[in-house]
Amino acid sequence: MFDYHMHSKFSFDSMTEIEDNIIFAIKKGIKYICFTDHIDYDFDFLGADSIFDIDEYFAGINLLKKKYINTVAIKIGVEFGLQPHIIEKCKRDVEKYSFDFVIASIHAVDKMDLHVTDYYNLISRYFIHRIY
């Protein structure tokens, strides 16, 4: 069994220590894991980024890869929140770092977080106004 979509405290949506995720995976019999913490550039209308120190991320995971080398295969990945205007920035990160796995997701449209409660109402009103 494998899990190639794991988040740790490096993501905005998790507070879990990397090693705690590894221990949990081992207990569940998972043999292959990949951390894919979020990087979301220019995430909202304020120009906020949801990013982390990639060098620190690699250093921490690489230490744990050595510790658990005979127990579980650990890979280092990332989950980019893509928007058209930041694709080049994401490409630069992929070229600069040796990620084992990259997830491309859409978390925002026109700098609007898709998890905002009013998002669907705003879209509905937008299309209603365009139709009439």
Protein backbone atom coordinates (compact mmCIF):
# COMPACT_ATOMS: atom_id res chain seq x y z
CA MET A 1 0.00 0.00 0.00
CA PHE A 2 1.14 3.58 -0.62
CA ASP A 3 0.12 7.17 0.17
CA TYR A 4 1.50 9.88 -2.10
CA HIS A 5 -0.65 12.74 -0.80
CA MET A 6 0.46 13.49 2.75
CA HIS A 7 0.57 16.88 4.46
CA SER A 8 2.57 17.91 7.50
CA LYS A 9 3.01 21.06 9.55
CA PHE A 10 4.60 22.64 6.47
CA SER A 11 1.11 22.94 4.91
CA PHE A 12 -1.48 25.48 5.97
CA ASP A 13 -3.99 22.66 6.47
CA SER A 14 -2.02 20.42 8.84
CA MET A 15 -0.28 20.65 12.19
CA THR A 16 1.14 17.11 12.10
CA GLU A 17 4.85 16.51 12.56
CA ILE A 18 6.46 14.71 9.63
CA GLU A 19 7.71 11.90 11.85
CA ASP A 20 4.23 11.37 13.33
CA ASN A 21 2.91 10.82 9.79
CA ILE A 22 5.68 8.31 9.14
CA ILE A 23 4.98 6.38 12.34
CA PHE A 24 1.26 6.30 11.56
CA ALA A 25 1.95 5.01 8.03
CA ILE A 26 4.20 2.26 9.41
CA LYS A 27 1.52 1.21 11.92
CA LYS A 28 -1.00 0.98 9.07
CA GLY A 29 1.34 -1.15 6.96
CA ILE A 30 1.97 1.51 4.33
CA LYS A 31 5.31 0.84 2.63
CA TYR A 32 5.61 3.86 0.31
CA ILE A 33 4.82 7.45 1.28
CA CYS A 34 5.36 10.88 -0.20
CA PHE A 35 4.94 14.21 1.53
CA THR A 36 3.20 16.71 -0.73
CA ASP A 37 2.80 19.85 1.32
CA HIS A 38 1.01 22.84 -0.17
CA ILE A 39 2.59 25.76 -1.97
CA ASP A 40 0.04 28.35 -3.07
CA TYR A 41 1.46 31.58 -4.49
CA ASP A 42 -0.67 34.74 -4.72
CA PHE A 43 -3.51 32.86 -3.13
CA ASP A 44 -5.97 35.69 -2.51
CA PHE A 45 -6.84 39.27 -3.45
CA LEU A 46 -4.28 40.53 -0.94
CA GLY A 47 -1.47 38.73 -2.75
CA ALA A 48 -0.86 36.37 0.15
CA ASP A 49 1.29 33.30 -0.34
CA SER A 50 0.88 29.99 1.46
CA ILE A 51 4.43 28.74 1.24
CA PHE A 52 7.15 27.20 3.39
CA ASP A 53 10.93 26.95 3.54
CA ILE A 54 11.61 24.29 0.91
CA ASP A 55 15.23 23.81 1.99
CA GLU A 56 14.12 23.13 5.59
CA TYR A 57 11.43 20.76 4.27
CA PHE A 58 13.99 18.73 2.28
CA ALA A 59 16.47 18.67 5.17
CA GLY A 60 13.88 17.41 7.66
CA ILE A 61 12.47 14.72 5.41
CA ASN A 62 15.93 13.57 4.30
CA LEU A 63 16.96 13.01 7.94
CA LEU A 64 13.86 10.89 8.51
CA LYS A 65 14.41 8.97 5.26
CA LYS A 66 17.72 7.78 6.71
CA LYS A 67 16.18 6.92 10.08
CA TYR A 68 13.39 4.80 8.55
CA ILE A 69 15.30 3.49 5.51
CA ASN A 70 14.58 -0.18 6.33
CA THR A 71 10.94 0.37 7.25
CA VAL A 72 9.24 2.64 4.72
CA ALA A 73 10.17 4.32 1.42
CA ILE A 74 9.81 8.07 1.89
CA LYS A 75 9.61 10.50 -1.03
CA ILE A 76 9.58 14.29 -1.10
CA GLY A 77 6.86 16.00 -3.10
CA VAL A 78 4.83 19.15 -3.29
CA GLU A 79 1.26 20.15 -4.09
CA PHE A 80 1.10 23.39 -6.06
CA GLY A 81 -2.10 25.38 -6.11
CA LEU A 82 -2.04 26.50 -9.74
CA GLN A 83 -3.41 29.66 -11.27
CA PRO A 84 -2.48 30.88 -14.75
CA HIS A 85 -0.44 33.86 -13.53
CA ILE A 86 1.86 31.81 -11.23
CA ILE A 87 2.64 28.77 -13.39
CA GLU A 88 6.12 30.06 -14.27
CA LYS A 89 6.95 30.53 -10.58
CA CYS A 90 5.89 26.93 -9.89
CA LYS A 91 7.97 25.69 -12.83
CA ARG A 92 11.02 27.46 -11.38
CA ASP A 93 10.52 25.65 -8.07
CA VAL A 94 10.23 22.30 -9.85
CA GLU A 95 13.43 23.01 -11.79
CA LYS A 96 15.31 24.20 -8.69
CA TYR A 97 14.35 21.36 -6.33
CA SER A 98 14.48 17.60 -6.83
CA PHE A 99 10.90 16.75 -5.96
CA ASP A 100 10.08 13.07 -6.38
CA PHE A 101 6.40 13.80 -7.03
CA VAL A 102 4.40 16.92 -7.93
CA ILE A 103 0.66 17.39 -7.59
CA ALA A 104 -0.94 20.23 -9.56
CA SER A 105 -4.21 21.34 -7.97
CA ILE A 106 -6.59 24.24 -8.27
CA HIS A 107 -7.31 25.83 -4.91
CA ALA A 108 -8.22 29.31 -6.13
CA VAL A 109 -9.76 30.91 -9.21
CA ASP A 110 -8.92 34.55 -9.96
CA LYS A 111 -7.23 34.73 -6.54
CA MET A 112 -10.41 33.55 -4.83
CA ASP A 113 -10.12 30.59 -2.45
CA LEU A 114 -12.48 27.82 -3.61
CA HIS A 115 -13.20 26.94 0.02
CA VAL A 116 -14.72 30.34 0.76
CA THR A 117 -18.34 29.81 1.72
CA ASP A 118 -19.68 32.58 -0.54
CA TYR A 119 -17.69 31.47 -3.59
CA TYR A 120 -20.53 29.52 -5.16
CA ASN A 121 -23.01 32.33 -4.53
CA LEU A 122 -20.62 34.82 -6.14
CA ILE A 123 -20.19 32.61 -9.19
CA SER A 124 -23.93 32.05 -9.47
CA ARG A 125 -24.59 35.80 -9.34
CA TYR A 126 -21.84 36.40 -11.91
CA PHE A 127 -23.39 33.99 -14.41
CA ILE A 128 -26.92 35.21 -13.75
CA HIS A 129 -25.83 38.80 -14.50
CA ARG A 130 -24.06 37.69 -17.67
CA ILE A 131 -27.13 35.81 -18.90
CA TYR A 132 -29.58 38.67 -18.27
